[in-house]
Amino acid sequence: MAQLSEPDVAISEKSATDAATQFARAQDFMTGAQKVMLEEVVFASNELLDRARTETHLFSELVSKMAGSHSVKDLKTMFEECGQHQLDFIRRDSERLFKHGQRMLETASNLFSDPSKS
């Protein structure tokens, strides 16, 4: 069996080290991607539940105010108030989703960044 010279041994050790480093990076990337996907599933389910709860609350508030109104003026005031509540809810919901999108972009950029440069 042929013996490897010292430069050949050094090259094969370096390539083995490089392969191990690349494998570790790939494994870190896959673990990070899986974590991000699971966090997204949890976030989406929490958002759906929170939105359903808020919409139900707003609807029950609308129905109770409609039942309590006794004139057209009361109905007009009630619709203005409930419309404002709905707009406030949409604004808060949009702000929350934009902040989440920003966090997701930061997480994704960290996932793709080179750990040796940080």
N, C-alpha and C. Protein backbone atom coordinates (compact mmCIF):
# COMPACT_ATOMS: atom_id res chain seq x y z
N MET A 1 0.83 -1.17 0.00
CA MET A 1 0.00 0.00 0.00
C MET A 1 0.89 1.25 0.00
N ALA A 2 0.53 2.22 -0.79
CA ALA A 2 1.36 3.41 -0.94
C ALA A 2 1.20 4.32 0.25
N GLN A 3 2.28 4.87 0.69
CA GLN A 3 2.29 5.81 1.81
C GLN A 3 2.02 7.21 1.27
N LEU A 4 1.27 8.00 2.04
CA LEU A 4 1.01 9.39 1.65
C LEU A 4 2.16 10.25 2.14
N SER A 5 2.56 11.19 1.31
CA SER A 5 3.61 12.11 1.73
C SER A 5 3.02 13.13 2.70
N GLU A 6 3.88 13.87 3.37
CA GLU A 6 3.41 14.85 4.36
C GLU A 6 2.49 15.90 3.75
N PRO A 7 2.80 16.48 2.58
CA PRO A 7 1.87 17.46 1.99
C PRO A 7 0.51 16.83 1.68
N ASP A 8 0.50 15.56 1.23
CA ASP A 8 -0.77 14.90 0.94
C ASP A 8 -1.59 14.69 2.20
N VAL A 9 -0.93 14.33 3.30
CA VAL A 9 -1.61 14.15 4.57
C VAL A 9 -2.17 15.47 5.06
N ALA A 10 -1.41 16.54 4.93
CA ALA A 10 -1.88 17.87 5.36
C ALA A 10 -3.09 18.31 4.54
N ILE A 11 -3.05 18.04 3.23
CA ILE A 11 -4.17 18.41 2.36
C ILE A 11 -5.41 17.61 2.72
N SER A 12 -5.25 16.31 2.97
CA SER A 12 -6.41 15.49 3.31
C SER A 12 -6.98 15.87 4.68
N GLU A 13 -6.13 16.21 5.63
CA GLU A 13 -6.61 16.66 6.94
C GLU A 13 -7.35 17.99 6.82
N LYS A 14 -6.82 18.90 5.98
CA LYS A 14 -7.46 20.20 5.78
C LYS A 14 -8.82 20.02 5.11
N SER A 15 -8.89 19.14 4.13
CA SER A 15 -10.17 18.92 3.44
C SER A 15 -11.17 18.25 4.38
N ALA A 16 -10.71 17.38 5.26
CA ALA A 16 -11.60 16.76 6.24
C ALA A 16 -12.12 17.80 7.23
N THR A 17 -11.23 18.70 7.64
CA THR A 17 -11.63 19.78 8.55
C THR A 17 -12.63 20.71 7.87
N ASP A 18 -12.38 21.05 6.60
CA ASP A 18 -13.30 21.90 5.85
C ASP A 18 -14.67 21.23 5.69
N ALA A 19 -14.67 19.95 5.41
CA ALA A 19 -15.92 19.23 5.26
C ALA A 19 -16.70 19.19 6.57
N ALA A 20 -15.98 18.98 7.66
CA ALA A 20 -16.63 18.96 8.98
C ALA A 20 -17.21 20.33 9.32
N THR A 21 -16.48 21.40 8.98
CA THR A 21 -16.97 22.76 9.22
C THR A 21 -18.21 23.05 8.39
N GLN A 22 -18.18 22.66 7.13
CA GLN A 22 -19.35 22.88 6.26
C GLN A 22 -20.55 22.06 6.74
N PHE A 23 -20.30 20.85 7.20
CA PHE A 23 -21.39 20.03 7.72
C PHE A 23 -21.99 20.66 8.97
N ALA A 24 -21.14 21.19 9.85
CA ALA A 24 -21.63 21.83 11.07
C ALA A 24 -22.45 23.07 10.72
N ARG A 25 -22.00 23.85 9.74
CA ARG A 25 -22.77 25.02 9.32
C ARG A 25 -24.12 24.62 8.73
N ALA A 26 -24.11 23.58 7.91
CA ALA A 26 -25.37 23.11 7.32
C ALA A 26 -26.33 22.62 8.40
N GLN A 27 -25.78 21.93 9.38
CA GLN A 27 -26.61 21.43 10.47
C GLN A 27 -27.16 22.59 11.29
N ASP A 28 -26.36 23.62 11.55
CA ASP A 28 -26.83 24.80 12.27
C ASP A 28 -27.93 25.51 11.48
N PHE A 29 -27.73 25.60 10.17
CA PHE A 29 -28.73 26.24 9.31
C PHE A 29 -30.05 25.48 9.35
N MET A 30 -29.99 24.18 9.22
CA MET A 30 -31.21 23.36 9.22
C MET A 30 -31.92 23.44 10.57
N THR A 31 -31.17 23.42 11.65
CA THR A 31 -31.77 23.54 12.98
C THR A 31 -32.42 24.92 13.14
N GLY A 32 -31.73 25.96 12.70
CA GLY A 32 -32.28 27.31 12.78
C GLY A 32 -33.53 27.46 11.92
N ALA A 33 -33.51 26.89 10.71
CA ALA A 33 -34.68 26.96 9.83
C ALA A 33 -35.87 26.23 10.45
N GLN A 34 -35.62 25.09 11.05
CA GLN A 34 -36.70 24.35 11.70
C GLN A 34 -37.27 25.15 12.88
N LYS A 35 -36.41 25.78 13.65
CA LYS A 35 -36.85 26.59 14.78
C LYS A 35 -37.71 27.75 14.30
N VAL A 36 -37.28 28.41 13.22
CA VAL A 36 -38.03 29.54 12.68
C VAL A 36 -39.41 29.08 12.20
N MET A 37 -39.47 27.94 11.52
CA MET A 37 -40.76 27.44 11.03
C MET A 37 -41.70 27.09 12.17
N LEU A 38 -41.19 26.47 13.21
CA LEU A 38 -42.03 26.14 14.36
C LEU A 38 -42.50 27.41 15.07
N GLU A 39 -41.63 28.40 15.19
CA GLU A 39 -42.04 29.66 15.80
C GLU A 39 -43.14 30.33 14.97
N GLU A 40 -43.05 30.21 13.65
CA GLU A 40 -44.07 30.79 12.78
C GLU A 40 -45.42 30.10 12.96
N VAL A 41 -45.41 28.79 13.10
CA VAL A 41 -46.66 28.05 13.31
C VAL A 41 -47.30 28.48 14.63
N VAL A 42 -46.50 28.60 15.67
CA VAL A 42 -47.01 29.03 16.97
C VAL A 42 -47.54 30.45 16.89
N PHE A 43 -46.78 31.34 16.22
CA PHE A 43 -47.22 32.73 16.09
C PHE A 43 -48.53 32.81 15.32
N ALA A 44 -48.63 32.07 14.21
CA ALA A 44 -49.85 32.12 13.40
C ALA A 44 -51.06 31.62 14.19
N SER A 45 -50.89 30.54 14.93
CA SER A 45 -52.03 30.03 15.70
C SER A 45 -52.43 31.00 16.80
N ASN A 46 -51.45 31.62 17.46
CA ASN A 46 -51.77 32.62 18.49
C ASN A 46 -52.47 33.83 17.88
N GLU A 47 -52.02 34.26 16.72
CA GLU A 47 -52.64 35.40 16.06
C GLU A 47 -54.08 35.09 15.66
N LEU A 48 -54.31 33.91 15.12
CA LEU A 48 -55.68 33.53 14.74
C LEU A 48 -56.59 33.49 15.95
N LEU A 49 -56.13 32.93 17.03
CA LEU A 49 -56.92 32.85 18.25
C LEU A 49 -57.19 34.25 18.81
N ASP A 50 -56.18 35.08 18.84
CA ASP A 50 -56.34 36.44 19.35
C ASP A 50 -57.30 37.25 18.48
N ARG A 51 -57.16 37.09 17.17
CA ARG A 51 -58.05 37.83 16.26
C ARG A 51 -59.49 37.37 16.41
N ALA A 52 -59.71 36.07 16.52
CA ALA A 52 -61.07 35.56 16.70
C ALA A 52 -61.67 36.07 18.01
N ARG A 53 -60.86 36.08 19.06
CA ARG A 53 -61.34 36.55 20.36
C ARG A 53 -61.71 38.04 20.29
N THR A 54 -60.87 38.83 19.64
CA THR A 54 -61.13 40.27 19.53
C THR A 54 -62.35 40.54 18.66
N GLU A 55 -62.46 39.84 17.53
CA GLU A 55 -63.62 40.03 16.65
C GLU A 55 -64.91 39.64 17.37
N THR A 56 -64.87 38.57 18.15
CA THR A 56 -66.05 38.15 18.90
C THR A 56 -66.43 39.21 19.93
N HIS A 57 -65.44 39.77 20.59
CA HIS A 57 -65.70 40.83 21.57
C HIS A 57 -66.31 42.06 20.90
N LEU A 58 -65.75 42.46 19.76
CA LEU A 58 -66.28 43.62 19.05
C LEU A 58 -67.71 43.37 18.56
N PHE A 59 -67.98 42.15 18.09
CA PHE A 59 -69.32 41.83 17.62
C PHE A 59 -70.32 41.84 18.77
N SER A 60 -69.94 41.27 19.91
CA SER A 60 -70.86 41.25 21.05
C SER A 60 -71.10 42.68 21.57
N GLU A 61 -70.08 43.52 21.51
CA GLU A 61 -70.25 44.92 21.89
C GLU A 61 -71.22 45.62 20.94
N LEU A 62 -71.11 45.35 19.65
CA LEU A 62 -72.03 45.92 18.66
C LEU A 62 -73.46 45.48 18.91
N VAL A 63 -73.66 44.19 19.15
CA VAL A 63 -75.01 43.67 19.38
C VAL A 63 -75.61 44.27 20.65
N SER A 64 -74.82 44.37 21.72
CA SER A 64 -75.37 44.92 22.97
C SER A 64 -75.70 46.40 22.82
N LYS A 65 -74.89 47.14 22.07
CA LYS A 65 -75.20 48.55 21.86
C LYS A 65 -76.41 48.73 20.95
N MET A 66 -76.55 47.84 19.96
CA MET A 66 -77.73 47.92 19.10
C MET A 66 -79.00 47.65 19.90
N ALA A 67 -78.90 46.69 20.81
CA ALA A 67 -80.06 46.36 21.63
C ALA A 67 -80.41 47.51 22.58
N GLY A 68 -79.41 48.27 22.99
CA GLY A 68 -79.64 49.35 23.94
C GLY A 68 -79.99 50.68 23.30
N SER A 69 -79.89 50.77 21.99
CA SER A 69 -80.21 52.06 21.34
C SER A 69 -81.71 52.18 21.13
N HIS A 70 -82.21 53.39 21.33
CA HIS A 70 -83.65 53.61 21.25
C HIS A 70 -84.05 54.59 20.16
N SER A 71 -83.07 55.15 19.47
CA SER A 71 -83.42 56.11 18.43
C SER A 71 -82.41 56.01 17.29
N VAL A 72 -82.73 56.69 16.20
CA VAL A 72 -81.82 56.70 15.06
C VAL A 72 -80.51 57.40 15.44
N LYS A 73 -80.62 58.43 16.26
CA LYS A 73 -79.42 59.14 16.71
C LYS A 73 -78.52 58.22 17.53
N ASP A 74 -79.12 57.42 18.40
CA ASP A 74 -78.34 56.45 19.17
C ASP A 74 -77.67 55.42 18.26
N LEU A 75 -78.40 54.97 17.23
CA LEU A 75 -77.82 54.01 16.29
C LEU A 75 -76.63 54.63 15.55
N LYS A 76 -76.78 55.88 15.13
CA LYS A 76 -75.70 56.56 14.42
C LYS A 76 -74.47 56.69 15.31
N THR A 77 -74.68 57.10 16.54
CA THR A 77 -73.57 57.23 17.49
C THR A 77 -72.91 55.88 17.75
N MET A 78 -73.74 54.85 17.90
CA MET A 78 -73.24 53.51 18.15
C MET A 78 -72.40 53.02 16.97
N PHE A 79 -72.86 53.22 15.74
CA PHE A 79 -72.09 52.79 14.57
C PHE A 79 -70.79 53.56 14.44
N GLU A 80 -70.79 54.84 14.79
CA GLU A 80 -69.54 55.61 14.76
C GLU A 80 -68.54 55.08 15.78
N GLU A 81 -69.02 54.80 16.99
CA GLU A 81 -68.13 54.27 18.03
C GLU A 81 -67.59 52.90 17.65
N CYS A 82 -68.48 52.03 17.19
CA CYS A 82 -68.04 50.68 16.84
C CYS A 82 -67.12 50.69 15.62
N GLY A 83 -67.39 51.58 14.69
CA GLY A 83 -66.49 51.73 13.54
C GLY A 83 -65.11 52.18 13.96
N GLN A 84 -65.07 53.11 14.93
CA GLN A 84 -63.78 53.58 15.44
C GLN A 84 -63.05 52.46 16.17
N HIS A 85 -63.77 51.64 16.94
CA HIS A 85 -63.16 50.49 17.61
C HIS A 85 -62.57 49.54 16.58
N GLN A 86 -63.30 49.30 15.51
CA GLN A 86 -62.82 48.39 14.47
C GLN A 86 -61.57 48.95 13.79
N LEU A 87 -61.54 50.24 13.51
CA LEU A 87 -60.36 50.85 12.90
C LEU A 87 -59.15 50.80 13.84
N ASP A 88 -59.39 51.04 15.12
CA ASP A 88 -58.30 50.94 16.10
C ASP A 88 -57.75 49.53 16.16
N PHE A 89 -58.64 48.54 16.12
CA PHE A 89 -58.22 47.14 16.13
C PHE A 89 -57.38 46.82 14.90
N ILE A 90 -57.81 47.27 13.74
CA ILE A 90 -57.07 47.01 12.49
C ILE A 90 -55.69 47.67 12.55
N ARG A 91 -55.63 48.89 13.09
CA ARG A 91 -54.35 49.59 13.21
C ARG A 91 -53.39 48.82 14.13
N ARG A 92 -53.89 48.43 15.31
CA ARG A 92 -53.04 47.68 16.24
C ARG A 92 -52.60 46.34 15.65
N ASP A 93 -53.52 45.68 14.98
CA ASP A 93 -53.22 44.39 14.37
C ASP A 93 -52.15 44.55 13.28
N SER A 94 -52.29 45.59 12.47
CA SER A 94 -51.30 45.83 11.40
C SER A 94 -49.94 46.16 11.99
N GLU A 95 -49.90 47.00 13.01
CA GLU A 95 -48.62 47.32 13.65
C GLU A 95 -47.95 46.07 14.21
N ARG A 96 -48.74 45.21 14.84
CA ARG A 96 -48.20 43.97 15.41
C ARG A 96 -47.65 43.07 14.31
N LEU A 97 -48.37 42.97 13.18
CA LEU A 97 -47.89 42.13 12.09
C LEU A 97 -46.64 42.71 11.42
N PHE A 98 -46.57 44.03 11.28
CA PHE A 98 -45.37 44.64 10.71
C PHE A 98 -44.16 44.42 11.61
N LYS A 99 -44.34 44.53 12.93
CA LYS A 99 -43.24 44.27 13.85
C LYS A 99 -42.80 42.82 13.76
N HIS A 100 -43.76 41.93 13.62
CA HIS A 100 -43.42 40.51 13.49
C HIS A 100 -42.65 40.28 12.20
N GLY A 101 -43.08 40.92 11.11
CA GLY A 101 -42.37 40.79 9.85
C GLY A 101 -40.94 41.28 9.95
N GLN A 102 -40.74 42.37 10.67
CA GLN A 102 -39.39 42.90 10.87
C GLN A 102 -38.54 41.91 11.66
N ARG A 103 -39.11 41.33 12.72
CA ARG A 103 -38.37 40.33 13.50
C ARG A 103 -38.02 39.12 12.65
N MET A 104 -38.95 38.71 11.78
CA MET A 104 -38.69 37.55 10.93
C MET A 104 -37.57 37.84 9.93
N LEU A 105 -37.55 39.04 9.37
CA LEU A 105 -36.47 39.41 8.45
C LEU A 105 -35.12 39.41 9.16
N GLU A 106 -35.09 39.93 10.37
CA GLU A 106 -33.85 39.93 11.15
C GLU A 106 -33.40 38.50 11.45
N THR A 107 -34.35 37.65 11.82
CA THR A 107 -34.03 36.25 12.12
C THR A 107 -33.51 35.54 10.88
N ALA A 108 -34.17 35.77 9.74
CA ALA A 108 -33.73 35.13 8.50
C ALA A 108 -32.36 35.63 8.08
N SER A 109 -32.09 36.91 8.24
CA SER A 109 -30.76 37.42 7.87
C SER A 109 -29.69 36.86 8.79
N ASN A 110 -30.02 36.68 10.07
CA ASN A 110 -29.06 36.05 11.00
C ASN A 110 -28.84 34.60 10.64
N LEU A 111 -29.86 33.95 10.13
CA LEU A 111 -29.75 32.55 9.75
C LEU A 111 -28.81 32.38 8.56
N PHE A 112 -28.84 33.35 7.64
CA PHE A 112 -28.02 33.28 6.44
C PHE A 112 -26.66 33.94 6.59
N SER A 113 -26.41 34.61 7.71
CA SER A 113 -25.13 35.29 7.88
C SER A 113 -24.04 34.28 8.18
N ASP A 114 -22.83 34.67 7.87
CA ASP A 114 -21.67 33.82 8.09
C ASP A 114 -21.23 33.96 9.55
N PRO A 115 -21.26 32.87 10.33
CA PRO A 115 -20.92 32.97 11.76
C PRO A 115 -19.45 33.34 11.99
N SER A 116 -18.58 33.12 11.01
CA SER A 116 -17.17 33.46 11.21
C SER A 116 -16.92 34.96 11.13
N LYS A 117 -17.88 35.72 10.53
CA LYS A 117 -17.72 37.17 10.40
C LYS A 117 -18.30 37.91 11.60
N SER A 118 -19.02 37.24 12.48
CA SER A 118 -19.63 37.94 13.62
C SER A 118 -18.77 37.89 14.84
